[in-house]
N, C-alpha and C. Protein backbone atom coordinates (compact mmCIF):
# COMPACT_ATOMS: atom_id res chain seq x y z
N MET A 1 198.16 -55.70 -170.78
CA MET A 1 199.23 -56.13 -169.92
C MET A 1 200.33 -55.12 -169.81
N ALA A 2 200.40 -54.18 -170.72
CA ALA A 2 201.45 -53.18 -170.71
C ALA A 2 201.27 -52.21 -169.55
N ASP A 3 200.03 -52.11 -169.01
CA ASP A 3 199.78 -51.18 -167.91
C ASP A 3 200.16 -51.74 -166.56
N ARG A 4 200.56 -52.96 -166.50
CA ARG A 4 200.83 -53.62 -165.24
C ARG A 4 201.93 -52.89 -164.45
N GLY A 5 201.63 -52.56 -163.18
CA GLY A 5 202.63 -51.95 -162.32
C GLY A 5 202.71 -50.44 -162.45
N ARG A 6 201.92 -49.81 -163.29
CA ARG A 6 202.00 -48.37 -163.45
C ARG A 6 201.02 -47.61 -162.56
N GLY A 7 200.18 -48.31 -161.83
CA GLY A 7 199.27 -47.63 -160.92
C GLY A 7 197.97 -47.21 -161.56
N GLY A 8 197.78 -47.43 -162.80
CA GLY A 8 196.54 -47.04 -163.46
C GLY A 8 195.59 -48.21 -163.53
N GLY A 9 194.39 -47.97 -163.87
CA GLY A 9 193.43 -49.05 -164.06
C GLY A 9 192.66 -49.38 -162.81
N ARG A 10 191.87 -50.44 -162.92
CA ARG A 10 190.96 -50.80 -161.83
C ARG A 10 191.64 -51.40 -160.61
N GLY A 11 192.64 -52.19 -160.79
CA GLY A 11 193.26 -52.90 -159.66
C GLY A 11 194.35 -52.12 -158.98
N ALA A 12 194.45 -50.83 -159.20
CA ALA A 12 195.54 -50.04 -158.64
C ALA A 12 195.39 -49.91 -157.12
N ARG A 13 196.51 -49.90 -156.42
CA ARG A 13 196.53 -49.71 -154.98
C ARG A 13 196.47 -48.22 -154.67
N GLY A 14 196.10 -47.94 -153.42
CA GLY A 14 196.09 -46.54 -152.99
C GLY A 14 194.98 -45.76 -153.64
N GLY A 15 193.88 -46.38 -153.83
CA GLY A 15 192.76 -45.71 -154.47
C GLY A 15 192.22 -44.57 -153.63
N THR A 16 191.33 -43.84 -154.19
CA THR A 16 190.73 -42.72 -153.48
C THR A 16 189.32 -43.11 -153.07
N GLY A 17 188.81 -42.41 -152.13
CA GLY A 17 187.45 -42.67 -151.70
C GLY A 17 187.36 -42.78 -150.19
N PRO A 18 186.15 -42.88 -149.66
CA PRO A 18 185.96 -42.86 -148.21
C PRO A 18 186.45 -44.10 -147.49
N THR A 19 186.61 -45.23 -148.15
CA THR A 19 187.03 -46.45 -147.46
C THR A 19 188.50 -46.76 -147.67
N ARG A 20 189.27 -45.81 -148.13
CA ARG A 20 190.69 -46.04 -148.39
C ARG A 20 191.40 -46.43 -147.10
N GLY A 21 192.07 -47.56 -147.10
CA GLY A 21 192.87 -48.00 -145.96
C GLY A 21 192.06 -48.55 -144.80
N ARG A 22 190.79 -48.67 -144.95
CA ARG A 22 189.95 -49.20 -143.87
C ARG A 22 189.28 -50.48 -144.31
N GLY A 23 188.91 -51.27 -143.34
CA GLY A 23 188.18 -52.49 -143.63
C GLY A 23 186.72 -52.16 -143.88
N PRO A 24 185.91 -53.17 -143.96
CA PRO A 24 184.48 -52.94 -144.17
C PRO A 24 183.87 -52.20 -142.99
N GLN A 25 182.99 -51.28 -143.28
CA GLN A 25 182.34 -50.48 -142.25
C GLN A 25 181.14 -51.23 -141.68
N PRO A 26 181.00 -51.26 -140.33
CA PRO A 26 179.84 -51.94 -139.75
C PRO A 26 178.57 -51.16 -140.08
N SER A 27 177.52 -51.88 -140.32
CA SER A 27 176.27 -51.23 -140.69
C SER A 27 175.40 -50.94 -139.47
N MET A 28 175.67 -51.63 -138.35
CA MET A 28 174.84 -51.45 -137.15
C MET A 28 175.66 -50.72 -136.09
N ASP A 29 174.97 -49.92 -135.29
CA ASP A 29 175.62 -49.24 -134.17
C ASP A 29 175.84 -50.23 -133.04
N LYS A 30 176.96 -50.06 -132.33
CA LYS A 30 177.23 -50.92 -131.18
C LYS A 30 176.32 -50.51 -130.02
N PRO A 31 175.93 -51.48 -129.19
CA PRO A 31 175.10 -51.12 -128.04
C PRO A 31 175.93 -50.27 -127.07
N LYS A 32 175.27 -49.34 -126.39
CA LYS A 32 175.95 -48.46 -125.46
C LYS A 32 176.43 -49.26 -124.25
N ARG A 33 177.69 -49.01 -123.86
CA ARG A 33 178.25 -49.71 -122.71
C ARG A 33 177.65 -49.14 -121.43
N GLU A 34 177.31 -50.03 -120.53
CA GLU A 34 176.78 -49.62 -119.24
C GLU A 34 177.88 -49.71 -118.20
N ALA A 35 177.82 -48.84 -117.22
CA ALA A 35 178.80 -48.85 -116.14
C ALA A 35 178.61 -50.11 -115.30
N ILE A 36 179.71 -50.62 -114.79
CA ILE A 36 179.67 -51.82 -113.95
C ILE A 36 178.99 -51.49 -112.61
N LEU A 37 179.35 -50.35 -112.05
CA LEU A 37 178.78 -49.94 -110.77
C LEU A 37 177.82 -48.78 -110.98
N ASP A 38 176.72 -48.80 -110.26
CA ASP A 38 175.79 -47.69 -110.28
C ASP A 38 176.00 -46.89 -109.01
N LEU A 39 176.78 -45.83 -109.12
CA LEU A 39 177.11 -45.03 -107.94
C LEU A 39 176.13 -43.90 -107.69
N THR A 40 175.08 -43.79 -108.50
CA THR A 40 174.14 -42.68 -108.32
C THR A 40 173.45 -42.72 -106.96
N LYS A 41 173.27 -43.91 -106.39
CA LYS A 41 172.62 -43.99 -105.08
C LYS A 41 173.55 -43.56 -103.94
N TYR A 42 174.84 -43.40 -104.22
CA TYR A 42 175.79 -42.96 -103.20
C TYR A 42 176.20 -41.51 -103.33
N VAL A 43 175.63 -40.77 -104.30
CA VAL A 43 175.94 -39.35 -104.43
C VAL A 43 175.45 -38.63 -103.18
N ASN A 44 176.29 -37.74 -102.65
CA ASN A 44 176.05 -36.99 -101.40
C ASN A 44 176.02 -37.89 -100.17
N GLU A 45 176.62 -39.07 -100.28
CA GLU A 45 176.78 -39.98 -99.12
C GLU A 45 178.27 -40.15 -98.86
N ARG A 46 178.62 -40.48 -97.61
CA ARG A 46 180.03 -40.72 -97.27
C ARG A 46 180.43 -42.11 -97.75
N ILE A 47 181.58 -42.18 -98.42
CA ILE A 47 182.11 -43.47 -98.87
C ILE A 47 183.58 -43.57 -98.49
N ARG A 48 184.05 -44.79 -98.38
CA ARG A 48 185.46 -45.07 -98.11
C ARG A 48 186.06 -45.64 -99.38
N VAL A 49 187.25 -45.16 -99.74
CA VAL A 49 187.93 -45.59 -100.96
C VAL A 49 189.33 -46.07 -100.59
N LYS A 50 189.68 -47.26 -101.06
CA LYS A 50 191.03 -47.80 -100.89
C LYS A 50 191.71 -47.84 -102.24
N PHE A 51 193.01 -47.55 -102.25
CA PHE A 51 193.79 -47.47 -103.48
C PHE A 51 194.79 -48.62 -103.58
N ALA A 52 195.31 -48.81 -104.78
CA ALA A 52 196.25 -49.89 -105.05
C ALA A 52 197.50 -49.78 -104.19
N GLY A 53 197.95 -48.59 -103.85
CA GLY A 53 199.16 -48.41 -103.05
C GLY A 53 198.94 -48.58 -101.57
N GLY A 54 197.70 -48.79 -101.12
CA GLY A 54 197.43 -48.98 -99.70
C GLY A 54 196.80 -47.79 -99.02
N ARG A 55 196.71 -46.65 -99.69
CA ARG A 55 196.09 -45.48 -99.07
C ARG A 55 194.59 -45.66 -98.93
N GLU A 56 194.01 -44.97 -97.94
CA GLU A 56 192.57 -45.01 -97.70
C GLU A 56 192.08 -43.59 -97.44
N VAL A 57 190.96 -43.24 -98.06
CA VAL A 57 190.33 -41.95 -97.82
C VAL A 57 188.84 -42.15 -97.60
N THR A 58 188.24 -41.19 -96.91
CA THR A 58 186.81 -41.17 -96.68
C THR A 58 186.30 -39.78 -97.03
N GLY A 59 185.18 -39.72 -97.77
CA GLY A 59 184.63 -38.42 -98.13
C GLY A 59 183.23 -38.55 -98.70
N VAL A 60 182.65 -37.40 -99.03
CA VAL A 60 181.29 -37.33 -99.58
C VAL A 60 181.39 -37.36 -101.10
N LEU A 61 180.74 -38.33 -101.72
CA LEU A 61 180.76 -38.48 -103.17
C LEU A 61 179.96 -37.36 -103.82
N LYS A 62 180.62 -36.58 -104.68
CA LYS A 62 179.96 -35.48 -105.38
C LYS A 62 179.73 -35.79 -106.85
N GLY A 63 180.58 -36.64 -107.43
CA GLY A 63 180.41 -36.97 -108.84
C GLY A 63 181.33 -38.10 -109.26
N PHE A 64 181.05 -38.67 -110.45
CA PHE A 64 181.84 -39.77 -110.98
C PHE A 64 181.63 -39.83 -112.48
N ASP A 65 182.47 -40.61 -113.16
CA ASP A 65 182.29 -40.80 -114.59
C ASP A 65 182.38 -42.28 -114.93
N GLN A 66 182.38 -42.57 -116.23
CA GLN A 66 182.35 -43.95 -116.71
C GLN A 66 183.61 -44.72 -116.34
N LEU A 67 184.74 -44.03 -116.20
CA LEU A 67 186.01 -44.68 -115.87
C LEU A 67 186.20 -44.84 -114.37
N LEU A 68 185.19 -44.50 -113.60
CA LEU A 68 185.20 -44.56 -112.14
C LEU A 68 186.12 -43.51 -111.51
N ASN A 69 186.40 -42.43 -112.24
CA ASN A 69 187.04 -41.28 -111.61
C ASN A 69 186.02 -40.67 -110.68
N LEU A 70 186.44 -40.31 -109.47
CA LEU A 70 185.51 -39.82 -108.45
C LEU A 70 185.87 -38.41 -108.02
N VAL A 71 184.86 -37.64 -107.65
CA VAL A 71 185.05 -36.35 -107.00
C VAL A 71 184.47 -36.49 -105.61
N LEU A 72 185.32 -36.30 -104.59
CA LEU A 72 184.91 -36.39 -103.19
C LEU A 72 185.14 -35.06 -102.50
N ASP A 73 184.24 -34.71 -101.59
CA ASP A 73 184.38 -33.48 -100.80
C ASP A 73 184.55 -33.87 -99.34
N ASP A 74 185.11 -32.97 -98.55
CA ASP A 74 185.37 -33.20 -97.12
C ASP A 74 186.16 -34.49 -96.92
N VAL A 75 187.23 -34.66 -97.69
CA VAL A 75 188.00 -35.90 -97.67
C VAL A 75 188.97 -35.92 -96.50
N VAL A 76 189.01 -37.07 -95.83
CA VAL A 76 189.96 -37.32 -94.75
C VAL A 76 190.77 -38.55 -95.13
N GLU A 77 192.10 -38.41 -95.15
CA GLU A 77 192.98 -39.54 -95.46
C GLU A 77 193.40 -40.21 -94.16
N ASP A 78 193.29 -41.53 -94.12
CA ASP A 78 193.74 -42.29 -92.96
C ASP A 78 195.20 -42.66 -93.20
N LEU A 79 196.10 -42.09 -92.37
CA LEU A 79 197.53 -42.34 -92.50
C LEU A 79 197.91 -43.55 -91.66
N GLN A 80 198.60 -44.49 -92.25
CA GLN A 80 199.02 -45.71 -91.56
C GLN A 80 200.49 -45.59 -91.19
N ASN A 81 200.76 -44.95 -90.07
CA ASN A 81 202.13 -44.83 -89.59
C ASN A 81 202.51 -46.06 -88.78
N GLU A 82 203.81 -46.29 -88.66
CA GLU A 82 204.28 -47.43 -87.87
C GLU A 82 203.96 -47.24 -86.39
N SER A 83 204.05 -46.02 -85.90
CA SER A 83 203.85 -45.78 -84.48
C SER A 83 202.37 -45.72 -84.11
N GLU A 84 201.62 -44.83 -84.77
CA GLU A 84 200.19 -44.70 -84.45
C GLU A 84 199.45 -44.19 -85.67
N PRO A 85 198.23 -44.67 -85.90
CA PRO A 85 197.44 -44.17 -87.03
C PRO A 85 196.97 -42.74 -86.78
N SER A 86 196.90 -41.96 -87.85
CA SER A 86 196.41 -40.59 -87.75
C SER A 86 195.65 -40.24 -89.02
N THR A 87 195.09 -39.03 -89.07
CA THR A 87 194.31 -38.61 -90.23
C THR A 87 194.84 -37.28 -90.74
N ARG A 88 194.46 -36.97 -91.99
CA ARG A 88 194.86 -35.71 -92.62
C ARG A 88 193.68 -35.20 -93.44
N GLN A 89 193.31 -33.93 -93.26
CA GLN A 89 192.21 -33.32 -94.00
C GLN A 89 192.71 -32.93 -95.40
N LEU A 90 191.96 -33.32 -96.45
CA LEU A 90 192.35 -32.99 -97.82
C LEU A 90 191.36 -32.06 -98.51
N GLY A 91 190.10 -32.02 -98.07
CA GLY A 91 189.10 -31.15 -98.70
C GLY A 91 188.50 -31.79 -99.94
N LEU A 92 188.41 -31.02 -101.05
CA LEU A 92 187.83 -31.49 -102.30
C LEU A 92 188.91 -32.12 -103.16
N VAL A 93 188.71 -33.37 -103.60
CA VAL A 93 189.72 -34.08 -104.39
C VAL A 93 189.08 -34.81 -105.56
N VAL A 94 189.91 -35.08 -106.57
CA VAL A 94 189.53 -35.92 -107.71
C VAL A 94 190.38 -37.17 -107.63
N LEU A 95 189.73 -38.34 -107.64
CA LEU A 95 190.44 -39.61 -107.52
C LEU A 95 190.41 -40.33 -108.87
N ARG A 96 191.55 -40.82 -109.31
CA ARG A 96 191.63 -41.55 -110.59
C ARG A 96 191.06 -42.95 -110.44
N GLY A 97 190.17 -43.31 -111.33
CA GLY A 97 189.50 -44.60 -111.29
C GLY A 97 190.40 -45.81 -111.36
N PRO A 98 191.43 -45.83 -112.24
CA PRO A 98 192.27 -47.03 -112.35
C PRO A 98 193.04 -47.38 -111.08
N THR A 99 193.22 -46.42 -110.17
CA THR A 99 193.97 -46.70 -108.94
C THR A 99 193.10 -47.19 -107.80
N ILE A 100 191.78 -47.17 -107.98
CA ILE A 100 190.85 -47.54 -106.91
C ILE A 100 190.69 -49.07 -106.88
N THR A 101 190.82 -49.64 -105.68
CA THR A 101 190.64 -51.08 -105.53
C THR A 101 189.36 -51.43 -104.77
N LEU A 102 188.86 -50.50 -103.93
CA LEU A 102 187.67 -50.80 -103.14
C LEU A 102 186.87 -49.54 -102.88
N LEU A 103 185.56 -49.67 -103.05
CA LEU A 103 184.61 -48.60 -102.69
C LEU A 103 183.64 -49.17 -101.68
N SER A 104 183.38 -48.42 -100.61
CA SER A 104 182.49 -48.93 -99.58
C SER A 104 181.72 -47.77 -98.96
N PRO A 105 180.41 -47.91 -98.79
CA PRO A 105 179.68 -46.86 -98.07
C PRO A 105 180.06 -46.89 -96.59
N VAL A 106 180.17 -45.71 -95.99
CA VAL A 106 180.55 -45.63 -94.58
C VAL A 106 179.36 -45.95 -93.69
N ASP A 107 178.16 -45.59 -94.13
CA ASP A 107 176.95 -45.85 -93.35
C ASP A 107 176.74 -47.36 -93.21
N GLY A 108 176.65 -47.84 -92.00
CA GLY A 108 176.45 -49.26 -91.75
C GLY A 108 177.74 -50.05 -91.70
N LEU A 109 178.88 -49.37 -91.73
CA LEU A 109 180.17 -50.04 -91.70
C LEU A 109 180.55 -50.33 -90.25
N GLU A 110 180.84 -51.58 -89.96
CA GLU A 110 181.30 -51.94 -88.63
C GLU A 110 182.34 -53.05 -88.74
N GLU A 111 183.28 -53.03 -87.84
CA GLU A 111 184.35 -54.02 -87.86
C GLU A 111 183.88 -55.30 -87.17
N ILE A 112 184.21 -56.45 -87.79
CA ILE A 112 183.85 -57.74 -87.21
C ILE A 112 185.13 -58.52 -86.94
N ALA A 113 185.01 -59.54 -86.10
CA ALA A 113 186.16 -60.39 -85.80
C ALA A 113 186.49 -61.23 -87.03
N ASN A 114 187.77 -61.48 -87.25
CA ASN A 114 188.21 -62.28 -88.38
C ASN A 114 187.89 -63.75 -88.12
N PRO A 115 187.03 -64.37 -88.91
CA PRO A 115 186.67 -65.77 -88.67
C PRO A 115 187.76 -66.75 -89.09
N PHE A 116 188.79 -66.26 -89.78
CA PHE A 116 189.84 -67.16 -90.28
C PHE A 116 191.07 -67.21 -89.38
N THR A 117 191.10 -66.41 -88.33
CA THR A 117 192.23 -66.49 -87.42
C THR A 117 192.07 -67.73 -86.54
N GLN A 118 193.18 -68.32 -86.20
CA GLN A 118 193.15 -69.54 -85.39
C GLN A 118 192.90 -69.18 -83.92
N GLN A 119 191.99 -69.89 -83.33
CA GLN A 119 191.68 -69.67 -81.93
C GLN A 119 192.77 -70.29 -81.08
N GLU A 120 193.26 -69.50 -80.12
CA GLU A 120 194.30 -70.03 -79.23
C GLU A 120 193.64 -70.90 -78.15
N ALA A 121 194.23 -72.07 -77.90
CA ALA A 121 193.67 -73.00 -76.91
C ALA A 121 194.18 -72.77 -75.53
């Protein structure tokens, strides 16, 4: 009992070793996370991307990663001015995944009438 509080002995805190300060180590490897979207079928295809701030761009998908960061080539930004819409050429760009709200292939894209608007009598 005389050793109590002196840091010696078996029950001492701050021990040495590989598990110091850590909880129990898992014995099994975690399964590999899969991407939510499979964008491989859209590589070298034109896609439209909308961002959280309202911007829209269209370009050819060249690459992507697990966080949905995109590399687009031949990018055209659609500018939404109050007077008239216009476009701006951007070239090769890298888009941050967290800011993307919508991805859409351009091929087969067509505008339809809004079915939720009220018909005027």
